[in-house]
PDB file of all heavy atoms in Angstrom:
ATOM      1  N   LEU A   1      54.230-186.970  21.050  1.00  0.00           N
ATOM      2  CA  LEU A   1      54.577-188.082  21.942  1.00  0.00           C
ATOM      3  C   LEU A   1      53.338-188.872  22.347  1.00  0.00           C
ATOM      4  O   LEU A   1      53.359-190.108  22.397  1.00  0.00           O
ATOM      5  CB  LEU A   1      55.297-187.557  23.186  1.00  0.00           C
ATOM      6  CG  LEU A   1      56.678-186.916  22.967  1.00  0.00           C
ATOM      7  CD1 LEU A   1      57.258-186.462  24.307  1.00  0.00           C
ATOM      8  CD2 LEU A   1      57.626-187.888  22.280  1.00  0.00           C
ATOM      9  N   GLU A   2      52.255-188.170  22.636  1.00  0.00           N
ATOM     10  CA  GLU A   2      51.024-188.854  23.028  1.00  0.00           C
ATOM     11  C   GLU A   2      50.474-189.681  21.875  1.00  0.00           C
ATOM     12  O   GLU A   2      49.993-190.816  22.079  1.00  0.00           O
ATOM     13  CB  GLU A   2      49.993-187.836  23.507  1.00  0.00           C
ATOM     14  CG  GLU A   2      50.358-187.202  24.838  1.00  0.00           C
ATOM     15  CD  GLU A   2      49.309-186.207  25.294  1.00  0.00           C
ATOM     16  OE1 GLU A   2      48.591-185.661  24.428  1.00  0.00           O
ATOM     17  OE2 GLU A   2      49.223-185.975  26.502  1.00  0.00           O
ATOM     18  N   ALA A   3      50.542-189.143  20.659  1.00  0.00           N
ATOM     19  CA  ALA A   3      50.077-189.894  19.496  1.00  0.00           C
ATOM     20  C   ALA A   3      50.939-191.131  19.278  1.00  0.00           C
ATOM     21  O   ALA A   3      50.435-192.217  18.956  1.00  0.00           O
ATOM     22  CB  ALA A   3      50.096-188.999  18.252  1.00  0.00           C
ATOM     23  N   TYR A   4      52.245-190.987  19.452  1.00  0.00           N
ATOM     24  CA  TYR A   4      53.168-192.125  19.321  1.00  0.00           C
ATOM     25  C   TYR A   4      52.847-193.189  20.376  1.00  0.00           C
ATOM     26  O   TYR A   4      52.835-194.393  20.089  1.00  0.00           O
ATOM     27  CB  TYR A   4      54.600-191.633  19.482  1.00  0.00           C
ATOM     28  CG  TYR A   4      55.647-192.704  19.288  1.00  0.00           C
ATOM     29  CD1 TYR A   4      56.244-192.905  18.056  1.00  0.00           C
ATOM     30  CD2 TYR A   4      56.055-193.513  20.357  1.00  0.00           C
ATOM     31  CE1 TYR A   4      57.223-193.882  17.879  1.00  0.00           C
ATOM     32  CE2 TYR A   4      57.019-194.489  20.191  1.00  0.00           C
ATOM     33  CZ  TYR A   4      57.600-194.667  18.949  1.00  0.00           C
ATOM     34  OH  TYR A   4      58.555-195.647  18.780  1.00  0.00           O
ATOM     35  N   GLY A   5      52.591-192.743  21.608  1.00  0.00           N
ATOM     36  CA  GLY A   5      52.269-193.680  22.680  1.00  0.00           C
ATOM     37  C   GLY A   5      50.999-194.461  22.405  1.00  0.00           C
ATOM     38  O   GLY A   5      50.933-195.666  22.646  1.00  0.00           O
ATOM     39  N   ARG A   6      49.984-193.776  21.877  1.00  0.00           N
ATOM     40  CA  ARG A   6      48.721-194.469  21.554  1.00  0.00           C
ATOM     41  C   ARG A   6      48.921-195.460  20.419  1.00  0.00           C
ATOM     42  O   ARG A   6      48.392-196.579  20.450  1.00  0.00           O
ATOM     43  CB  ARG A   6      47.643-193.442  21.187  1.00  0.00           C
ATOM     44  CG  ARG A   6      47.106-192.657  22.372  1.00  0.00           C
ATOM     45  CD  ARG A   6      45.870-191.877  21.980  1.00  0.00           C
ATOM     46  NE  ARG A   6      46.172-190.868  20.956  1.00  0.00           N
ATOM     47  CZ  ARG A   6      46.521-189.617  21.219  1.00  0.00           C
ATOM     48  NH1 ARG A   6      46.661-189.220  22.480  1.00  0.00           N
ATOM     49  NH2 ARG A   6      46.761-188.750  20.249  1.00  0.00           N
ATOM     50  N   GLN A   7      49.690-195.071  19.414  1.00  0.00           N
ATOM     51  CA  GLN A   7      49.879-195.925  18.243  1.00  0.00           C
ATOM     52  C   GLN A   7      50.687-197.181  18.575  1.00  0.00           C
ATOM     53  O   GLN A   7      50.347-198.281  18.135  1.00  0.00           O
ATOM     54  CB  GLN A   7      50.584-195.138  17.134  1.00  0.00           C
ATOM     55  CG  GLN A   7      50.850-195.967  15.870  1.00  0.00           C
ATOM     56  CD  GLN A   7      51.619-195.185  14.816  1.00  0.00           C
ATOM     57  OE1 GLN A   7      51.835-193.983  14.962  1.00  0.00           O
ATOM     58  NE2 GLN A   7      52.026-195.853  13.754  1.00  0.00           N
ATOM     59  N   HIS A   8      51.732-197.025  19.372  1.00  0.00           N
ATOM     60  CA  HIS A   8      52.648-198.137  19.646  1.00  0.00           C
ATOM     61  C   HIS A   8      52.439-198.761  21.020  1.00  0.00           C
ATOM     62  O   HIS A   8      53.212-199.647  21.403  1.00  0.00           O
ATOM     63  CB  HIS A   8      54.098-197.657  19.521  1.00  0.00           C
ATOM     64  CG  HIS A   8      54.471-197.172  18.160  1.00  0.00           C
ATOM     65  ND1 HIS A   8      54.824-198.026  17.134  1.00  0.00           N
ATOM     66  CD2 HIS A   8      54.532-195.922  17.632  1.00  0.00           C
ATOM     67  CE1 HIS A   8      55.094-197.324  16.044  1.00  0.00           C
ATOM     68  NE2 HIS A   8      54.926-196.048  16.318  1.00  0.00           N
ATOM     69  N   LYS A   9      51.418-198.303  21.745  1.00  0.00           N
ATOM     70  CA  LYS A   9      51.172-198.802  23.098  1.00  0.00           C
ATOM     71  C   LYS A   9      52.407-198.611  23.975  1.00  0.00           C
ATOM     72  O   LYS A   9      52.818-199.503  24.720  1.00  0.00           O
ATOM     73  CB  LYS A   9      50.755-200.275  23.076  1.00  0.00           C
ATOM     74  CG  LYS A   9      49.547-200.579  22.214  1.00  0.00           C
ATOM     75  CD  LYS A   9      48.323-199.836  22.713  1.00  0.00           C
ATOM     76  CE  LYS A   9      47.092-200.114  21.856  1.00  0.00           C
ATOM     77  NZ  LYS A   9      45.932-199.285  22.262  1.00  0.00           N
ATOM     78  N   THR A  10      53.001-197.433  23.876  1.00  0.00           N
ATOM     79  CA  THR A  10      54.232-197.131  24.591  1.00  0.00           C
ATOM     80  C   THR A  10      53.933-196.297  25.841  1.00  0.00           C
ATOM     81  O   THR A  10      53.296-195.249  25.745  1.00  0.00           O
ATOM     82  CB  THR A  10      55.192-196.334  23.689  1.00  0.00           C
ATOM     83  OG1 THR A  10      55.446-197.082  22.499  1.00  0.00           O
ATOM     84  CG2 THR A  10      56.505-196.047  24.401  1.00  0.00           C
ATOM     85  N   PRO A  11      54.381-196.730  27.012  1.00  0.00           N
ATOM     86  CA  PRO A  11      54.194-195.914  28.221  1.00  0.00           C
ATOM     87  C   PRO A  11      54.979-194.612  28.129  1.00  0.00           C
ATOM     88  O   PRO A  11      56.093-194.581  27.593  1.00  0.00           O
ATOM     89  CB  PRO A  11      54.745-196.812  29.340  1.00  0.00           C
ATOM     90  CG  PRO A  11      54.744-198.195  28.776  1.00  0.00           C
ATOM     91  CD  PRO A  11      54.986-198.036  27.312  1.00  0.00           C
ATOM     92  N   LEU A  12      54.392-193.555  28.650  1.00  0.00           N
ATOM     93  CA  LEU A  12      55.047-192.246  28.707  1.00  0.00           C
ATOM     94  C   LEU A  12      55.234-191.857  30.171  1.00  0.00           C
ATOM     95  O   LEU A  12      54.378-192.150  31.013  1.00  0.00           O
ATOM     96  CB  LEU A  12      54.207-191.179  28.004  1.00  0.00           C
ATOM     97  CG  LEU A  12      53.767-191.448  26.564  1.00  0.00           C
ATOM     98  CD1 LEU A  12      52.949-190.270  26.056  1.00  0.00           C
ATOM     99  CD2 LEU A  12      54.952-191.709  25.656  1.00  0.00           C
ATOM    100  N   VAL A  13      56.337-191.173  30.451  1.00  0.00           N
ATOM    101  CA  VAL A  13      56.600-190.700  31.807  1.00  0.00           C
ATOM    102  C   VAL A  13      56.918-189.216  31.738  1.00  0.00           C
ATOM    103  O   VAL A  13      57.893-188.803  31.095  1.00  0.00           O
ATOM    104  CB  VAL A  13      57.784-191.445  32.459  1.00  0.00           C
ATOM    105  CG1 VAL A  13      57.954-190.993  33.908  1.00  0.00           C
ATOM    106  CG2 VAL A  13      57.584-192.952  32.394  1.00  0.00           C
ATOM    107  N   ALA A  14      56.080-188.398  32.385  1.00  0.00           N
ATOM    108  CA  ALA A  14      56.301-186.951  32.456  1.00  0.00           C
ATOM    109  C   ALA A  14      57.021-186.633  33.763  1.00  0.00           C
ATOM    110  O   ALA A  14      56.640-187.135  34.825  1.00  0.00           O
ATOM    111  CB  ALA A  14      54.969-186.214  32.383  1.00  0.00           C
ATOM    112  N   ILE A  15      58.067-185.788  33.689  1.00  0.00           N
ATOM    113  CA  ILE A  15      58.858-185.455  34.875  1.00  0.00           C
ATOM    114  C   ILE A  15      59.028-183.942  34.945  1.00  0.00           C
ATOM    115  O   ILE A  15      59.390-183.307  33.954  1.00  0.00           O
ATOM    116  CB  ILE A  15      60.257-186.118  34.822  1.00  0.00           C
ATOM    117  CG1 ILE A  15      60.179-187.563  34.319  1.00  0.00           C
ATOM    118  CG2 ILE A  15      60.914-186.079  36.195  1.00  0.00           C
ATOM    119  CD1 ILE A  15      61.542-188.169  33.992  1.00  0.00           C
ATOM    120  N   HIS A  16      58.769-183.404  36.114  1.00  0.00           N
ATOM    121  CA  HIS A  16      58.894-181.949  36.283  1.00  0.00           C
ATOM    122  C   HIS A  16      59.584-181.685  37.615  1.00  0.00           C
ATOM    123  O   HIS A  16      59.124-182.147  38.663  1.00  0.00           O
ATOM    124  CB  HIS A  16      57.523-181.285  36.267  1.00  0.00           C
ATOM    125  CG  HIS A  16      57.576-179.819  35.978  1.00  0.00           C
ATOM    126  ND1 HIS A  16      56.467-179.079  35.637  1.00  0.00           N
ATOM    127  CD2 HIS A  16      58.608-178.937  35.986  1.00  0.00           C
ATOM    128  CE1 HIS A  16      56.803-177.818  35.432  1.00  0.00           C
ATOM    129  NE2 HIS A  16      58.111-177.708  35.651  1.00  0.00           N
ATOM    130  N   SER A  17      60.685-180.943  37.568  1.00  0.00           N
ATOM    131  CA  SER A  17      61.420-180.587  38.779  1.00  0.00           C
ATOM    132  C   SER A  17      61.763-179.109  38.730  1.00  0.00           C
ATOM    133  O   SER A  17      62.290-178.619  37.726  1.00  0.00           O
ATOM    134  CB  SER A  17      62.706-181.428  38.888  1.00  0.00           C
ATOM    135  OG  SER A  17      63.455-181.077  40.031  1.00  0.00           O
ATOM    136  N   ALA A  18      61.454-178.396  39.811  1.00  0.00           N
ATOM    137  CA  ALA A  18      61.755-176.963  39.896  1.00  0.00           C
ATOM    138  C   ALA A  18      61.948-176.595  41.358  1.00  0.00           C
ATOM    139  O   ALA A  18      61.056-176.804  42.180  1.00  0.00           O
ATOM    140  CB  ALA A  18      60.632-176.121  39.280  1.00  0.00           C
ATOM    141  N   GLY A  19      63.106-176.072  41.691  1.00  0.00           N
ATOM    142  CA  GLY A  19      63.373-175.708  43.077  1.00  0.00           C
ATOM    143  C   GLY A  19      63.305-176.923  43.987  1.00  0.00           C
ATOM    144  O   GLY A  19      63.876-177.976  43.703  1.00  0.00           O
ATOM    145  N   PHE A  20      62.588-176.768  45.090  1.00  0.00           N
ATOM    146  CA  PHE A  20      62.458-177.857  46.066  1.00  0.00           C
ATOM    147  C   PHE A  20      61.307-178.813  45.734  1.00  0.00           C
ATOM    148  O   PHE A  20      61.035-179.736  46.504  1.00  0.00           O
ATOM    149  CB  PHE A  20      62.223-177.280  47.470  1.00  0.00           C
ATOM    150  CG  PHE A  20      63.471-176.731  48.106  1.00  0.00           C
ATOM    151  CD1 PHE A  20      63.721-175.373  48.110  1.00  0.00           C
ATOM    152  CD2 PHE A  20      64.404-177.572  48.691  1.00  0.00           C
ATOM    153  CE1 PHE A  20      64.868-174.846  48.698  1.00  0.00           C
ATOM    154  CE2 PHE A  20      65.551-177.077  49.278  1.00  0.00           C
ATOM    155  CZ  PHE A  20      65.789-175.704  49.279  1.00  0.00           C
ATOM    156  N   TYR A  21      60.631-178.602  44.610  1.00  0.00           N
ATOM    157  CA  TYR A  21      59.456-179.396  44.269  1.00  0.00           C
ATOM    158  C   TYR A  21      59.691-180.228  43.011  1.00  0.00           C
ATOM    159  O   TYR A  21      60.481-179.850  42.127  1.00  0.00           O
ATOM    160  CB  TYR A  21      58.242-178.493  44.020  1.00  0.00           C
ATOM    161  CG  TYR A  21      57.775-177.690  45.214  1.00  0.00           C
ATOM    162  CD1 TYR A  21      57.145-176.463  45.034  1.00  0.00           C
ATOM    163  CD2 TYR A  21      57.967-178.160  46.503  1.00  0.00           C
ATOM    164  CE1 TYR A  21      56.701-175.719  46.116  1.00  0.00           C
ATOM    165  CE2 TYR A  21      57.521-177.419  47.598  1.00  0.00           C
ATOM    166  CZ  TYR A  21      56.894-176.203  47.400  1.00  0.00           C
ATOM    167  OH  TYR A  21      56.455-175.475  48.477  1.00  0.00           O
ATOM    168  N   SER A  22      58.967-181.321  42.920  1.00  0.00           N
ATOM    169  CA  SER A  22      58.989-182.125  41.699  1.00  0.00           C
ATOM    170  C   SER A  22      57.774-183.032  41.675  1.00  0.00           C
ATOM    171  O   SER A  22      57.120-183.256  42.701  1.00  0.00           O
ATOM    172  CB  SER A  22      60.265-182.970  41.609  1.00  0.00           C
ATOM    173  OG  SER A  22      60.274-183.977  42.611  1.00  0.00           O
ATOM    174  N   TYR A  23      57.478-183.546  40.506  1.00  0.00           N
ATOM    175  CA  TYR A  23      56.473-184.610  40.384  1.00  0.00           C
ATOM    176  C   TYR A  23      56.789-185.410  39.126  1.00  0.00           C
ATOM    177  O   TYR A  23      57.502-184.963  38.228  1.00  0.00           O
ATOM    178  CB  TYR A  23      55.043-184.054  40.334  1.00  0.00           C
ATOM    179  CG  TYR A  23      54.600-183.495  39.000  1.00  0.00           C
ATOM    180  CD1 TYR A  23      54.089-184.330  38.004  1.00  0.00           C
ATOM    181  CD2 TYR A  23      54.664-182.125  38.730  1.00  0.00           C
ATOM    182  CE1 TYR A  23      53.666-183.815  36.771  1.00  0.00           C
ATOM    183  CE2 TYR A  23      54.249-181.602  37.514  1.00  0.00           C
ATOM    184  CZ  TYR A  23      53.755-182.458  36.542  1.00  0.00           C
ATOM    185  OH  TYR A  23      53.349-181.960  35.329  1.00  0.00           O
ATOM    186  N   PHE A  24      56.274-186.613  39.079  1.00  0.00           N
ATOM    187  CA  PHE A  24      56.314-187.396  37.843  1.00  0.00           C
ATOM    188  C   PHE A  24      54.974-188.085  37.685  1.00  0.00           C
ATOM    189  O   PHE A  24      54.266-188.347  38.657  1.00  0.00           O
ATOM    190  CB  PHE A  24      57.465-188.414  37.834  1.00  0.00           C
ATOM    191  CG  PHE A  24      57.375-189.474  38.894  1.00  0.00           C
ATOM    192  CD1 PHE A  24      56.707-190.668  38.670  1.00  0.00           C
ATOM    193  CD2 PHE A  24      57.989-189.292  40.120  1.00  0.00           C
ATOM    194  CE1 PHE A  24      56.639-191.642  39.635  1.00  0.00           C
ATOM    195  CE2 PHE A  24      57.928-190.270  41.097  1.00  0.00           C
ATOM    196  CZ  PHE A  24      57.255-191.451  40.858  1.00  0.00           C
ATOM    197  N   ARG A  25      54.633-188.349  36.433  1.00  0.00           N
ATOM    198  CA  ARG A  25      53.327-188.932  36.126  1.00  0.00           C
ATOM    199  C   ARG A  25      53.490-190.004  35.065  1.00  0.00           C
ATOM    200  O   ARG A  25      54.152-189.805  34.051  1.00  0.00           O
ATOM    201  CB  ARG A  25      52.352-187.853  35.638  1.00  0.00           C
ATOM    202  CG  ARG A  25      50.932-188.386  35.439  1.00  0.00           C
ATOM    203  CD  ARG A  25      49.909-187.247  35.460  1.00  0.00           C
ATOM    204  NE  ARG A  25      48.562-187.782  35.466  1.00  0.00           N
ATOM    205  CZ  ARG A  25      47.810-187.907  34.381  1.00  0.00           C
ATOM    206  NH1 ARG A  25      48.267-187.506  33.206  1.00  0.00           N
ATOM    207  NH2 ARG A  25      46.597-188.409  34.464  1.00  0.00           N
ATOM    208  N   LEU A  26      52.895-191.173  35.315  1.00  0.00           N
ATOM    209  CA  LEU A  26      52.954-192.295  34.391  1.00  0.00           C
ATOM    210  C   LEU A  26      51.707-192.316  33.529  1.00  0.00           C
ATOM    211  O   LEU A  26      50.592-192.250  34.051  1.00  0.00           O
ATOM    212  CB  LEU A  26      53.068-193.621  35.156  1.00  0.00           C
ATOM    213  CG  LEU A  26      54.155-193.708  36.230  1.00  0.00           C
ATOM    214  CD1 LEU A  26      54.121-195.087  36.892  1.00  0.00           C
ATOM    215  CD2 LEU A  26      55.524-193.438  35.641  1.00  0.00           C
ATOM    216  N   HIS A  27      51.900-192.419  32.225  1.00  0.00           N
ATOM    217  CA  HIS A  27      50.785-192.536  31.277  1.00  0.00           C
ATOM    218  C   HIS A  27      50.905-193.915  30.638  1.00  0.00           C
ATOM    219  O   HIS A  27      51.723-194.125  29.741  1.00  0.00           O
ATOM    220  CB  HIS A  27      50.854-191.450  30.204  1.00  0.00           C
ATOM    221  CG  HIS A  27      51.047-190.076  30.760  1.00  0.00           C
ATOM    222  ND1 HIS A  27      50.011-189.334  31.271  1.00  0.00           N
ATOM    223  CD2 HIS A  27      52.164-189.324  30.903  1.00  0.00           C
ATOM    224  CE1 HIS A  27      50.491-188.161  31.691  1.00  0.00           C
ATOM    225  NE2 HIS A  27      51.788-188.145  31.485  1.00  0.00           N
ATOM    226  N   LEU A  28      50.127-194.862  31.124  1.00  0.00           N
ATOM    227  CA  LEU A  28      50.217-196.237  30.636  1.00  0.00           C
ATOM    228  C   LEU A  28      49.217-196.479  29.520  1.00  0.00           C
ATOM    229  O   LEU A  28      48.139-195.873  29.508  1.00  0.00           O
ATOM    230  CB  LEU A  28      49.982-197.221  31.777  1.00  0.00           C
ATOM    231  CG  LEU A  28      50.975-197.095  32.932  1.00  0.00           C
ATOM    232  CD1 LEU A  28      50.591-198.026  34.071  1.00  0.00           C
ATOM    233  CD2 LEU A  28      52.378-197.393  32.459  1.00  0.00           C
ATOM    234  N   PRO A  29      49.548-197.359  28.581  1.00  0.00           N
ATOM    235  CA  PRO A  29      48.656-197.604  27.426  1.00  0.00           C
ATOM    236  C   PRO A  29      47.449-198.446  27.817  1.00  0.00           C
ATOM    237  O   PRO A  29      47.412-199.657  27.619  1.00  0.00           O
ATOM    238  CB  PRO A  29      49.569-198.347  26.443  1.00  0.00           C
ATOM    239  CG  PRO A  29      50.569-199.042  27.310  1.00  0.00           C
ATOM    240  CD  PRO A  29      50.795-198.132  28.490  1.00  0.00           C
ATOM    241  N   GLY A  30      46.455-197.820  28.396  1.00  0.00           N
ATOM    242  CA  GLY A  30      45.254-198.548  28.810  1.00  0.00           C
ATOM    243  C   GLY A  30      45.500-199.332  30.079  1.00  0.00           C
ATOM    244  O   GLY A  30      46.343-198.994  30.906  1.00  0.00           O
ATOM    245  N   ALA A  31      44.734-200.399  30.233  1.00  0.00           N
ATOM    246  CA  ALA A  31      44.869-201.239  31.421  1.00  0.00           C
ATOM    247  C   ALA A  31      46.228-201.930  31.411  1.00  0.00           C
ATOM    248  O   ALA A  31      46.633-202.507  30.415  1.00  0.00           O
ATOM    249  CB  ALA A  31      43.752-202.279  31.452  1.00  0.00           C
ATOM    250  N   PHE A  32      46.911-201.868  32.531  1.00  0.00           N
ATOM    251  CA  PHE A  32      48.267-202.425  32.627  1.00  0.00           C
ATOM    252  C   PHE A  32      48.296-203.426  33.776  1.00  0.00           C
ATOM    253  O   PHE A  32      48.364-203.051  34.949  1.00  0.00           O
ATOM    254  CB  PHE A  32      49.270-201.304  32.865  1.00  0.00           C
ATOM    255  CG  PHE A  32      50.710-201.717  32.667  1.00  0.00           C
ATOM    256  CD1 PHE A  32      51.265-201.747  31.405  1.00  0.00           C
ATOM    257  CD2 PHE A  32      51.491-202.090  33.751  1.00  0.00           C
ATOM    258  CE1 PHE A  32      52.582-202.118  31.214  1.00  0.00           C
ATOM    259  CE2 PHE A  32      52.805-202.463  33.571  1.00  0.00           C
ATOM    260  CZ  PHE A  32      53.360-202.475  32.302  1.00  0.00           C
ATOM    261  N   PRO A  33      48.221-204.722  33.458  1.00  0.00           N
ATOM    262  CA  PRO A  33      48.167-205.729  34.533  1.00  0.00           C
ATOM    263  C   PRO A  33      49.551-206.103  35.050  1.00  0.00           C
ATOM    264  O   PRO A  33      50.515-206.182  34.287  1.00  0.00           O
ATOM    265  CB  PRO A  33      47.504-206.927  33.838  1.00  0.00           C
ATOM    266  CG  PRO A  33      47.883-206.788  32.399  1.00  0.00           C
ATOM    267  CD  PRO A  33      48.019-205.317  32.122  1.00  0.00           C
TER     268      PRO A  33
END
């Protein structure tokens, strides 16, 4: 997925939820204005 994102300049979003906790993280293709 990371290789695909770099090649196509595609943003990736990681999501993790377990019990009462969660987080998400945005991986943008370089500078994103």
